[in-house]
Every structure is written in C-alpha cells, then in structure tokens.
C-alpha cells in the first residue's frame, strides 16, 4: 500500500485528507462529507468529570490533549516538524 498516496493539503482538516485516502482506497467518491464533530454521551461526560476529580484537576485549569495522529505539525515557515522534538523534557 505504500504506493498509494494522497497529496496533503494543509488548508483542510486531516479528517478531510483521510476521506480522500478512503476514496482512493475504495475507488468510490463520497457524495457528502460527514460533519467534523461528534457529541459525547452522558456516560462519557461523567467519565471525564470523574477523571478530573481523580486527578485533582479544577474546572478552570487548562488541559491540552493530543490524539496519536498529531505527531507532525506544520510550522509557520511551511516546514514539517515532529511534535516530540518541540517538547522539552
């Protein structure tokens, strides 16, 4: 599968690029783009509240999360940079 590529377009969301990849893999074009948002269930919201409580995180504290697919970022100069190389230990 390494021979199948889809050009990256930094002006669109990565999910949109992944949709293009799915189209290339299946040979089918999507008629519509699904919405790029999802909603949490009540159970999921309760789980997050419990996680905050278990880790003593206050409601007004800033919490930043990264999904596994965000290891590469586009810098202002247009070059790509591995996220891990920007994090100071």
PDB file of N, CA and C in Angstrom:
ATOM      1  N   UNK A   1       0.802  -1.209   0.000  1.00  0.00           N
ATOM      2  CA  UNK A   1       0.000   0.000   0.000  1.00  0.00           C
ATOM      3  C   UNK A   1       0.842   1.269   0.000  1.00  0.00           C
ATOM      4  N   UNK A   2       2.118   1.168   0.174  1.00  0.00           N
ATOM      5  CA  UNK A   2       2.958   2.366   0.202  1.00  0.00           C
ATOM      6  C   UNK A   2       2.932   3.102  -1.124  1.00  0.00           C
ATOM      7  N   UNK A   3       2.481   2.453  -2.187  1.00  0.00           N
ATOM      8  CA  UNK A   3       2.453   3.110  -3.489  1.00  0.00           C
ATOM      9  C   UNK A   3       1.228   4.002  -3.672  1.00  0.00           C
ATOM     10  N   UNK A   4       0.266   3.919  -2.785  1.00  0.00           N
ATOM     11  CA  UNK A   4      -0.938   4.740  -2.866  1.00  0.00           C
ATOM     12  C   UNK A   4      -0.768   5.956  -1.974  1.00  0.00           C
ATOM     13  N   UNK A   5      -0.819   7.135  -2.558  1.00  0.00           N
ATOM     14  CA  UNK A   5      -0.669   8.357  -1.768  1.00  0.00           C
ATOM     15  C   UNK A   5      -1.771   9.342  -2.114  1.00  0.00           C
ATOM     16  N   UNK A   6      -2.031  10.230  -1.186  1.00  0.00           N
ATOM     17  CA  UNK A   6      -2.957  11.340  -1.383  1.00  0.00           C
ATOM     18  C   UNK A   6      -2.197  12.591  -0.983  1.00  0.00           C
ATOM     19  N   UNK A   7      -2.120  13.582  -1.863  1.00  0.00           N
ATOM     20  CA  UNK A   7      -1.381  14.799  -1.513  1.00  0.00           C
ATOM     21  C   UNK A   7      -1.968  15.474  -0.274  1.00  0.00           C
ATOM     22  N   UNK A   8      -1.093  15.925   0.611  1.00  0.00           N
ATOM     23  CA  UNK A   8      -1.555  16.648   1.790  1.00  0.00           C
ATOM     24  C   UNK A   8      -1.924  18.063   1.394  1.00  0.00           C
ATOM     25  N   UNK A   9      -2.963  18.556   2.006  1.00  0.00           N
ATOM     26  CA  UNK A   9      -3.406  19.928   1.777  1.00  0.00           C
ATOM     27  C   UNK A   9      -3.558  20.560   3.150  1.00  0.00           C
ATOM     28  N   UNK A  10      -2.630  21.419   3.510  1.00  0.00           N
ATOM     29  CA  UNK A  10      -2.635  21.991   4.847  1.00  0.00           C
ATOM     30  C   UNK A  10      -3.749  23.014   5.066  1.00  0.00           C
ATOM     31  N   UNK A  11      -4.532  23.290   4.036  1.00  0.00           N
ATOM     32  CA  UNK A  11      -5.646  24.221   4.210  1.00  0.00           C
ATOM     33  C   UNK A  11      -6.938  23.503   4.589  1.00  0.00           C
ATOM     34  N   UNK A  12      -6.881  22.161   4.671  1.00  0.00           N
ATOM     35  CA  UNK A  12      -8.066  21.397   5.085  1.00  0.00           C
ATOM     36  C   UNK A  12      -7.729  20.553   6.319  1.00  0.00           C
ATOM     37  N   UNK A  13      -8.745  20.128   7.019  1.00  0.00           N
ATOM     38  CA  UNK A  13      -8.582  19.303   8.210  1.00  0.00           C
ATOM     39  C   UNK A  13      -8.047  17.932   7.815  1.00  0.00           C
ATOM     40  N   UNK A  14      -7.251  17.308   8.685  1.00  0.00           N
ATOM     41  CA  UNK A  14      -6.697  15.979   8.413  1.00  0.00           C
ATOM     42  C   UNK A  14      -7.779  14.944   8.132  1.00  0.00           C
ATOM     43  N   UNK A  15      -8.933  15.092   8.761  1.00  0.00           N
ATOM     44  CA  UNK A  15     -10.035  14.157   8.501  1.00  0.00           C
ATOM     45  C   UNK A  15     -10.442  14.230   7.033  1.00  0.00           C
ATOM     46  N   UNK A  16     -10.440  15.427   6.471  1.00  0.00           N
ATOM     47  CA  UNK A  16     -10.798  15.583   5.064  1.00  0.00           C
ATOM     48  C   UNK A  16      -9.762  14.886   4.167  1.00  0.00           C
ATOM     49  N   UNK A  17      -8.492  14.964   4.534  1.00  0.00           N
ATOM     50  CA  UNK A  17      -7.455  14.247   3.793  1.00  0.00           C
ATOM     51  C   UNK A  17      -7.667  12.748   3.922  1.00  0.00           C
ATOM     52  N   UNK A  18      -8.045  12.287   5.108  1.00  0.00           N
ATOM     53  CA  UNK A  18      -8.304  10.857   5.312  1.00  0.00           C
ATOM     54  C   UNK A  18      -9.494  10.387   4.484  1.00  0.00           C
ATOM     55  N   UNK A  19     -10.493  11.239   4.305  1.00  0.00           N
ATOM     56  CA  UNK A  19     -11.630  10.896   3.444  1.00  0.00           C
ATOM     57  C   UNK A  19     -11.142  10.703   2.015  1.00  0.00           C
ATOM     58  N   UNK A  20     -10.249  11.588   1.553  1.00  0.00           N
ATOM     59  CA  UNK A  20      -9.672  11.437   0.209  1.00  0.00           C
ATOM     60  C   UNK A  20      -8.902  10.122   0.100  1.00  0.00           C
ATOM     61  N   UNK A  21      -8.214   9.738   1.166  1.00  0.00           N
ATOM     62  CA  UNK A  21      -7.488   8.472   1.165  1.00  0.00           C
ATOM     63  C   UNK A  21      -8.460   7.295   1.065  1.00  0.00           C
ATOM     64  N   UNK A  22      -9.559   7.358   1.797  1.00  0.00           N
ATOM     65  CA  UNK A  22     -10.580   6.306   1.720  1.00  0.00           C
ATOM     66  C   UNK A  22     -11.152   6.220   0.306  1.00  0.00           C
ATOM     67  N   UNK A  23     -11.361   7.372  -0.332  1.00  0.00           N
ATOM     68  CA  UNK A  23     -11.858   7.374  -1.699  1.00  0.00           C
ATOM     69  C   UNK A  23     -10.851   6.700  -2.636  1.00  0.00           C
ATOM     70  N   UNK A  24      -9.561   6.990  -2.432  1.00  0.00           N
ATOM     71  CA  UNK A  24      -8.518   6.385  -3.271  1.00  0.00           C
ATOM     72  C   UNK A  24      -8.442   4.873  -3.043  1.00  0.00           C
ATOM     73  N   UNK A  25      -8.598   4.446  -1.790  1.00  0.00           N
ATOM     74  CA  UNK A  25      -8.522   3.019  -1.463  1.00  0.00           C
ATOM     75  C   UNK A  25      -9.696   2.230  -2.035  1.00  0.00           C
ATOM     76  N   UNK A  26     -10.872   2.839  -2.013  1.00  0.00           N
ATOM     77  CA  UNK A  26     -12.081   2.124  -2.441  1.00  0.00           C
ATOM     78  C   UNK A  26     -12.441   2.376  -3.896  1.00  0.00           C
ATOM     79  N   UNK A  27     -11.870   3.439  -4.474  1.00  0.00           N
ATOM     80  CA  UNK A  27     -12.235   3.799  -5.840  1.00  0.00           C
ATOM     81  C   UNK A  27     -13.616   4.413  -5.938  1.00  0.00           C
ATOM     82  N   UNK A  28     -14.183   4.794  -4.801  1.00  0.00           N
ATOM     83  CA  UNK A  28     -15.513   5.394  -4.771  1.00  0.00           C
ATOM     84  C   UNK A  28     -15.419   6.816  -4.230  1.00  0.00           C
ATOM     85  N   UNK A  29     -16.234   7.710  -4.753  1.00  0.00           N
ATOM     86  CA  UNK A  29     -16.267   9.102  -4.305  1.00  0.00           C
ATOM     87  C   UNK A  29     -17.430   9.271  -3.328  1.00  0.00           C
ATOM     88  N   UNK A  30     -17.168   9.927  -2.208  1.00  0.00           N
ATOM     89  CA  UNK A  30     -18.232  10.214  -1.252  1.00  0.00           C
ATOM     90  C   UNK A  30     -19.107  11.336  -1.806  1.00  0.00           C
ATOM     91  N   UNK A  31     -20.406  11.162  -1.718  1.00  0.00           N
ATOM     92  CA  UNK A  31     -21.328  12.198  -2.180  1.00  0.00           C
ATOM     93  C   UNK A  31     -21.362  13.377  -1.220  1.00  0.00           C
ATOM     94  N   UNK A  32     -21.205  13.084   0.061  1.00  0.00           N
ATOM     95  CA  UNK A  32     -21.249  14.125   1.086  1.00  0.00           C
ATOM     96  C   UNK A  32     -20.103  13.922   2.059  1.00  0.00           C
ATOM     97  N   UNK A  33     -19.671  15.012   2.656  1.00  0.00           N
ATOM     98  CA  UNK A  33     -18.648  14.929   3.697  1.00  0.00           C
ATOM     99  C   UNK A  33     -19.359  14.884   5.042  1.00  0.00           C
ATOM    100  N   UNK A  34     -19.053  13.878   5.869  1.00  0.00           N
ATOM    101  CA  UNK A  34     -19.713  13.830   7.178  1.00  0.00           C
ATOM    102  C   UNK A  34     -19.296  15.018   8.035  1.00  0.00           C
ATOM    103  N   UNK A  35     -20.137  15.419   8.966  1.00  0.00           N
ATOM    104  CA  UNK A  35     -19.772  16.542   9.837  1.00  0.00           C
ATOM    105  C   UNK A  35     -18.520  16.223  10.648  1.00  0.00           C
ATOM    106  N   UNK A  36     -17.700  17.243  10.869  1.00  0.00           N
ATOM    107  CA  UNK A  36     -16.436  17.059  11.588  1.00  0.00           C
ATOM    108  C   UNK A  36     -16.595  17.353  13.071  1.00  0.00           C
ATOM    109  N   UNK A  37     -17.651  16.842  13.637  1.00  0.00           N
ATOM    110  CA  UNK A  37     -17.844  16.991  15.074  1.00  0.00           C
ATOM    111  C   UNK A  37     -18.570  15.760  15.598  1.00  0.00           C
ATOM    112  N   UNK A  38     -18.354  15.495  16.844  1.00  0.00           N
ATOM    113  CA  UNK A  38     -19.056  14.386  17.472  1.00  0.00           C
ATOM    114  C   UNK A  38     -19.469  14.827  18.867  1.00  0.00           C
ATOM    115  N   UNK A  39     -20.450  14.161  19.388  1.00  0.00           N
ATOM    116  CA  UNK A  39     -21.012  14.539  20.681  1.00  0.00           C
ATOM    117  C   UNK A  39     -20.769  13.432  21.688  1.00  0.00           C
ATOM    118  N   UNK A  40     -20.482  13.831  22.901  1.00  0.00           N
ATOM    119  CA  UNK A  40     -20.256  12.878  23.980  1.00  0.00           C
ATOM    120  C   UNK A  40     -21.585  12.430  24.570  1.00  0.00           C
ATOM    121  N   UNK A  41     -21.620  11.189  24.989  1.00  0.00           N
ATOM    122  CA  UNK A  41     -22.793  10.687  25.697  1.00  0.00           C
ATOM    123  C   UNK A  41     -22.726  11.178  27.142  1.00  0.00           C
ATOM    124  N   UNK A  42     -23.805  11.065  27.848  1.00  0.00           N
ATOM    125  CA  UNK A  42     -23.812  11.424  29.263  1.00  0.00           C
ATOM    126  C   UNK A  42     -22.797  10.609  30.046  1.00  0.00           C
ATOM    127  N   UNK A  43     -22.671   9.331  29.689  1.00  0.00           N
ATOM    128  CA  UNK A  43     -21.705   8.458  30.351  1.00  0.00           C
ATOM    129  C   UNK A  43     -20.271   8.944  30.111  1.00  0.00           C
ATOM    130  N   UNK A  44     -19.977   9.363  28.891  1.00  0.00           N
ATOM    131  CA  UNK A  44     -18.641   9.866  28.579  1.00  0.00           C
ATOM    132  C   UNK A  44     -18.347  11.171  29.317  1.00  0.00           C
ATOM    133  N   UNK A  45     -19.333  12.034  29.411  1.00  0.00           N
ATOM    134  CA  UNK A  45     -19.153  13.278  30.164  1.00  0.00           C
ATOM    135  C   UNK A  45     -18.905  12.985  31.639  1.00  0.00           C
ATOM    136  N   UNK A  46     -19.646  12.033  32.201  1.00  0.00           N
ATOM    137  CA  UNK A  46     -19.438  11.651  33.599  1.00  0.00           C
ATOM    138  C   UNK A  46     -18.054  11.056  33.802  1.00  0.00           C
ATOM    139  N   UNK A  47     -17.589  10.273  32.839  1.00  0.00           N
ATOM    140  CA  UNK A  47     -16.247   9.692  32.916  1.00  0.00           C
ATOM    141  C   UNK A  47     -15.184  10.796  32.950  1.00  0.00           C
ATOM    142  N   UNK A  48     -15.348  11.818  32.121  1.00  0.00           N
ATOM    143  CA  UNK A  48     -14.362  12.909  32.122  1.00  0.00           C
ATOM    144  C   UNK A  48     -14.398  13.686  33.441  1.00  0.00           C
ATOM    145  N   UNK A  49     -15.584  13.900  33.978  1.00  0.00           N
ATOM    146  CA  UNK A  49     -15.692  14.589  35.272  1.00  0.00           C
ATOM    147  C   UNK A  49     -15.007  13.775  36.370  1.00  0.00           C
ATOM    148  N   UNK A  50     -15.190  12.463  36.321  1.00  0.00           N
ATOM    149  CA  UNK A  50     -14.551  11.593  37.314  1.00  0.00           C
ATOM    150  C   UNK A  50     -13.038  11.616  37.149  1.00  0.00           C
ATOM    151  N   UNK A  51     -12.562  11.627  35.902  1.00  0.00           N
ATOM    152  CA  UNK A  51     -11.119  11.695  35.628  1.00  0.00           C
ATOM    153  C   UNK A  51     -10.541  12.977  36.216  1.00  0.00           C
ATOM    154  N   UNK A  52     -11.217  14.103  35.988  1.00  0.00           N
ATOM    155  CA  UNK A  52     -10.756  15.377  36.564  1.00  0.00           C
ATOM    156  C   UNK A  52     -10.698  15.282  38.089  1.00  0.00           C
ATOM    157  N   UNK A  53     -11.734  14.740  38.685  1.00  0.00           N
ATOM    158  CA  UNK A  53     -11.780  14.626  40.142  1.00  0.00           C
ATOM    159  C   UNK A  53     -10.670  13.716  40.657  1.00  0.00           C
ATOM    160  N   UNK A  54     -10.470  12.583  39.987  1.00  0.00           N
ATOM    161  CA  UNK A  54      -9.443  11.623  40.411  1.00  0.00           C
ATOM    162  C   UNK A  54      -8.036  12.205  40.327  1.00  0.00           C
ATOM    163  N   UNK A  55      -7.833  13.160  39.424  1.00  0.00           N
ATOM    164  CA  UNK A  55      -6.506  13.739  39.216  1.00  0.00           C
ATOM    165  C   UNK A  55      -6.402  15.173  39.740  1.00  0.00           C
ATOM    166  N   UNK A  56      -7.375  15.567  40.548  1.00  0.00           N
ATOM    167  CA  UNK A  56      -7.399  16.894  41.177  1.00  0.00           C
ATOM    168  C   UNK A  56      -7.248  18.026  40.162  1.00  0.00           C
ATOM    169  N   UNK A  57      -7.927  17.896  39.031  1.00  0.00           N
ATOM    170  CA  UNK A  57      -7.915  18.944  38.006  1.00  0.00           C
ATOM    171  C   UNK A  57      -9.144  19.818  38.227  1.00  0.00           C
ATOM    172  N   UNK A  58      -8.915  21.111  38.393  1.00  0.00           N
ATOM    173  CA  UNK A  58     -10.012  22.043  38.624  1.00  0.00           C
ATOM    174  C   UNK A  58     -10.649  22.448  37.301  1.00  0.00           C
ATOM    175  N   UNK A  59     -11.909  22.871  37.363  1.00  0.00           N
ATOM    176  CA  UNK A  59     -12.647  23.252  36.156  1.00  0.00           C
ATOM    177  C   UNK A  59     -11.994  24.397  35.395  1.00  0.00           C
ATOM    178  N   UNK A  60     -11.293  25.277  36.101  1.00  0.00           N
ATOM    179  CA  UNK A  60     -10.701  26.445  35.435  1.00  0.00           C
ATOM    180  C   UNK A  60      -9.249  26.206  34.985  1.00  0.00           C
ATOM    181  N   UNK A  61      -8.745  24.967  35.141  1.00  0.00           N
ATOM    182  CA  UNK A  61      -7.385  24.662  34.703  1.00  0.00           C
ATOM    183  C   UNK A  61      -7.367  24.327  33.212  1.00  0.00           C
ATOM    184  N   UNK A  62      -6.295  24.724  32.543  1.00  0.00           N
ATOM    185  CA  UNK A  62      -6.117  24.413  31.134  1.00  0.00           C
ATOM    186  C   UNK A  62      -5.614  22.984  30.986  1.00  0.00           C
ATOM    187  N   UNK A  63      -6.308  22.201  30.172  1.00  0.00           N
ATOM    188  CA  UNK A  63      -5.913  20.824  29.889  1.00  0.00           C
ATOM    189  C   UNK A  63      -5.794  20.700  28.374  1.00  0.00           C
ATOM    190  N   UNK A  64      -4.645  20.237  27.911  1.00  0.00           N
ATOM    191  CA  UNK A  64      -4.414  20.078  26.480  1.00  0.00           C
ATOM    192  C   UNK A  64      -4.176  18.606  26.189  1.00  0.00           C
ATOM    193  N   UNK A  65      -4.853  18.081  25.199  1.00  0.00           N
ATOM    194  CA  UNK A  65      -4.677  16.682  24.806  1.00  0.00           C
ATOM    195  C   UNK A  65      -4.294  16.591  23.346  1.00  0.00           C
ATOM    196  N   UNK A  66      -3.557  15.566  23.009  1.00  0.00           N
ATOM    197  CA  UNK A  66      -3.163  15.316  21.628  1.00  0.00           C
ATOM    198  C   UNK A  66      -3.619  13.922  21.227  1.00  0.00           C
ATOM    199  N   UNK A  67      -4.158  13.797  20.037  1.00  0.00           N
ATOM    200  CA  UNK A  67      -4.501  12.462  19.546  1.00  0.00           C
ATOM    201  C   UNK A  67      -3.260  11.859  18.892  1.00  0.00           C
ATOM    202  N   UNK A  68      -3.176  10.551  18.783  1.00  0.00           N
ATOM    203  CA  UNK A  68      -1.965   9.897  18.292  1.00  0.00           C
ATOM    204  C   UNK A  68      -1.542  10.316  16.889  1.00  0.00           C
ATOM    205  N   UNK A  69      -2.446  10.824  16.098  1.00  0.00           N
ATOM    206  CA  UNK A  69      -2.106  11.197  14.729  1.00  0.00           C
ATOM    207  C   UNK A  69      -1.532  12.582  14.570  1.00  0.00           C
ATOM    208  N   UNK A  70      -1.199  13.245  15.659  1.00  0.00           N
ATOM    209  CA  UNK A  70      -0.728  14.626  15.539  1.00  0.00           C
ATOM    210  C   UNK A  70       0.767  14.745  15.805  1.00  0.00           C
ATOM    211  N   UNK A  71       1.533  13.742  15.427  1.00  0.00           N
ATOM    212  CA  UNK A  71       2.969  13.758  15.694  1.00  0.00           C
ATOM    213  C   UNK A  71       3.717  14.738  14.810  1.00  0.00           C
ATOM    214  N   UNK A  72       3.165  15.101  13.676  1.00  0.00           N
ATOM    215  CA  UNK A  72       3.823  16.029  12.763  1.00  0.00           C
ATOM    216  C   UNK A  72       2.995  17.309  12.704  1.00  0.00           C
ATOM    217  N   UNK A  73       3.660  18.446  12.815  1.00  0.00           N
ATOM    218  CA  UNK A  73       2.963  19.724  12.730  1.00  0.00           C
ATOM    219  C   UNK A  73       3.586  20.563  11.624  1.00  0.00           C
ATOM    220  N   UNK A  74       2.823  21.491  11.103  1.00  0.00           N
ATOM    221  CA  UNK A  74       3.314  22.404  10.095  1.00  0.00           C
ATOM    222  C   UNK A  74       3.727  23.692  10.783  1.00  0.00           C
ATOM    223  N   UNK A  75       4.985  24.061  10.627  1.00  0.00           N
ATOM    224  CA  UNK A  75       5.491  25.276  11.253  1.00  0.00           C
ATOM    225  C   UNK A  75       5.159  26.482  10.383  1.00  0.00           C
ATOM    226  N   UNK A  76       5.304  27.677  10.957  1.00  0.00           N
ATOM    227  CA  UNK A  76       4.985  28.897  10.239  1.00  0.00           C
ATOM    228  C   UNK A  76       5.794  29.043   8.960  1.00  0.00           C
ATOM    229  N   UNK A  77       7.004  28.498   8.926  1.00  0.00           N
ATOM    230  CA  UNK A  77       7.837  28.619   7.730  1.00  0.00           C
ATOM    231  C   UNK A  77       7.482  27.589   6.658  1.00  0.00           C
ATOM    232  N   UNK A  78       6.443  26.788   6.902  1.00  0.00           N
ATOM    233  CA  UNK A  78       5.997  25.806   5.926  1.00  0.00           C
ATOM    234  C   UNK A  78       6.660  24.452   6.056  1.00  0.00           C
ATOM    235  N   UNK A  79       7.643  24.324   6.937  1.00  0.00           N
ATOM    236  CA  UNK A  79       8.316  23.050   7.145  1.00  0.00           C
ATOM    237  C   UNK A  79       7.566  22.214   8.164  1.00  0.00           C
ATOM    238  N   UNK A  80       7.665  20.908   8.011  1.00  0.00           N
ATOM    239  CA  UNK A  80       7.030  19.998   8.961  1.00  0.00           C
ATOM    240  C   UNK A  80       8.013  19.666  10.068  1.00  0.00           C
ATOM    241  N   UNK A  81       7.487  19.521  11.273  1.00  0.00           N
ATOM    242  CA  UNK A  81       8.331  19.255  12.427  1.00  0.00           C
ATOM    243  C   UNK A  81       7.664  18.188  13.270  1.00  0.00           C
ATOM    244  N   UNK A  82       8.446  17.234  13.738  1.00  0.00           N
ATOM    245  CA  UNK A  82       7.930  16.218  14.637  1.00  0.00           C
ATOM    246  C   UNK A  82       7.622  16.879  15.969  1.00  0.00           C
ATOM    247  N   UNK A  83       6.412  16.678  16.463  1.00  0.00           N
ATOM    248  CA  UNK A  83       5.971  17.317  17.701  1.00  0.00           C
ATOM    249  C   UNK A  83       6.882  16.981  18.872  1.00  0.00           C
ATOM    250  N   UNK A  84       7.319  15.729  18.945  1.00  0.00           N
ATOM    251  CA  UNK A  84       8.162  15.304  20.074  1.00  0.00           C
ATOM    252  C   UNK A  84       9.442  16.140  20.150  1.00  0.00           C
ATOM    253  N   UNK A  85       9.979  16.562  19.000  1.00  0.00           N
ATOM    254  CA  UNK A  85      11.213  17.338  19.021  1.00  0.00           C
ATOM    255  C   UNK A  85      11.008  18.742  19.576  1.00  0.00           C
ATOM    256  N   UNK A  86       9.763  19.196  19.681  1.00  0.00           N
ATOM    257  CA  UNK A  86       9.476  20.516  20.227  1.00  0.00           C
ATOM    258  C   UNK A  86       9.217  20.486  21.728  1.00  0.00           C
ATOM    259  N   UNK A  87       8.989  19.306  22.272  1.00  0.00           N
ATOM    260  CA  UNK A  87       8.656  19.171  23.688  1.00  0.00           C
ATOM    261  C   UNK A  87       9.946  19.070  24.497  1.00  0.00           C
ATOM    262  N   UNK A  88      10.059  19.934  25.480  1.00  0.00           N
ATOM    263  CA  UNK A  88      11.224  19.887  26.355  1.00  0.00           C
ATOM    264  C   UNK A  88      10.911  19.047  27.565  1.00  0.00           C
ATOM    265  N   UNK A  89      11.778  18.105  27.856  1.00  0.00           N
ATOM    266  CA  UNK A  89      11.558  17.206  28.998  1.00  0.00           C
ATOM    267  C   UNK A  89      12.060  17.831  30.267  1.00  0.00           C
TER     268      UNK A  89
END
